[in-house]
């Protein structure tokens, strides 16, 4: 017996070693930890493991495959002299088990031990650096690879390219990729994924096409997910359908990740029919990712009721919504100013503790702001424990929508003082706030600070804000000078802002110039003719007004009809001018007449300057009296409790006369009235408006 043990304490012969190694490999592939420990115990009792570095290395590999990294490390540290294979095995095992920092530390320790790494060790370390998106250690590994001549090795180069992509260093990734003598699926997928996640959406699509030409597409579902993400970002439905065909040919359509990516792609391309069809491929396979993509798609395509239906179906199936689901639903409520539904989602996120998510809390701030409740937005902001740039942007934007320029500036100054860097979105909101509050000098100061103090290059929308700012202040000559000195051409929004200012100020020449530019950029813009007609009317040039209206008739150009809507008793009520269709029309118009008489007694005088001069005064007054926002307010007065504010939404800019009338109505009815038009909010109360007649 003693002799037998003495023989086994020596390293086993080659055949025995290979046989035992095969058992360990089989156990590792199966991931059977129980069997792994039994085998290890047997080897330990016989002395084989301690006597053979070859078998110890296989034990380390086996434990790594069984996800028992602690046992693998214990074996490695017990080795008197770990060899190059031992180090490589350990680094690979750590990387496989997502212990990426440990893998990089092990690689550094191996180098300090004086061992020259193999391409396999380098490849595993590069994979760890990629997972950590760590460009500094990744670049150091790249240098080691170049020095050892491994940078052209397929696995090393693929992982280096992936590392640079995940770190956002696309130029370096492209260099590595282009220098590869051979390119495999991993390398192509890394580049496509890198392009898709770093804004190179078109390049991702081109890379996928080139990969297809190489005959490498079809073996990895991940590449389809990446290129579908790029296609969704491009909103290219045709490209998406082409990829969908390739997915079906490869047999990946039922894979959950691919199906989710397909749903998201179609939703972003506004093809909701195909998005819904993909979800229905596997009726039992509903999940929160695909449902959230559907919800977001319906919200973006203005189908909030469909989004709500999907949300309820998600709950019916017992699938828990996540922060992205709630953000999309709250965004839908914000867009349509659905306060009651938005408040219900607020209760949901408090109950599920998702309120702590910065996206969700910021979307709620935006929702309350767009429903006219600025105090609720500010209160929510103050309750947030950690203010991210998203939260600051949300509250500054709320101040901008409501014309609270000073408060927006104070919030911006607090943001920068707290060490949060503003971005281009921050400045759009800040400049809009300054514009709506008439803070021209302050707005120009912040505009000039973008590049000088914050390193942010002004974009088209920032220049448009300055044009709007000058225009609202009546400084049209400065607006024109600014346009001529701009390094980029104004957008349609910029020219529309100038045209609107010309309409308010009666500047015919500059207004016609702005209108010409709008028609060049957007020939189907119907608002141009209406604005020009308004300029001519304000100047009393009725022949020009007739000419514009004839042109509109001959060209079959229709003026965008004005609508106003108000929520009451869990229902949205929509009104148009001189609308006689509502079931409560008699009560509404009786209230309108009553209110009209009362505000006239208070000093209201109709402003009929924009109406044709050939109409009788009584006819002019009748047209103004039955504007959609006044009908909506009259309905709210007879339908809503006196303690609730009246919140009216309007698709067009509120007219001067209705603005004046609503100030008087708020006074005689002792009601707070909030109007959200297509530009901003007006808070009417006690005969005043929050805009101070500057809008």
Foldseek 3Di string as FASTA:
>chain_A
DVVQLVVLLAADDPVVLVVLLVVLVVLLVVLPVVVLVVSVVVCVVSNNCLNDLSVLLSSLLSCLSNLNNVVSVVSLVPHPDNDQSSLLSNLQSCLSNLVLVVSLVSVVVCVVVVDQHDLSSLLSNLLSLLVVLPVPSLVVSCVSCVVVVNLQPASNLLSSLLSCLSVLNNVVSVVSLVPHPDYAPSNLLSNLLSCLVNVVLVVSLVSVVVCVVVVRPLPDLSSLLSNLSSLLVVLPVVSLVVSVVVCVVSVNLPPLSNLLSSLLSCLSNLNLVVSVVSCVVPVLPDAQSSLLSSLLSCLVVLNLVVSVVSVVVCVVSVYDHALSSLLSNLLSCQVVLVPVVNVVSVVVCVVVVVCLPLSNLLSSLSSCLSNVNNVVSVVSLVPHPDDALSSLLSNLLSLLQALVLVVSVVSVVVCVVVVHAHAQSSLLSNLSSCLLQLVLVVNVVVLVCCCVPRNYDHDLSSLLSNLLSCLLNVVLVVSVVSQVPDPDHHDLSSLVSSLQSCLVVLPQPSNVVSLVVNCVRPVLDLVSLVSNLSSCLLVVVVVVNVVSVVVCVVVVNDDDFKKKWFDFPNDIDIFGFPDCPDPCNVQLVVLLVVLVVVLVVVPQDADQSSPDPPDDPVVSVSRVSRGNVSSNVSVCLVGDDQVDATEMEMAADDDPRVVQSLLSSQQVSVHWYWYRYNRHIWTHHNSATPSRPRD
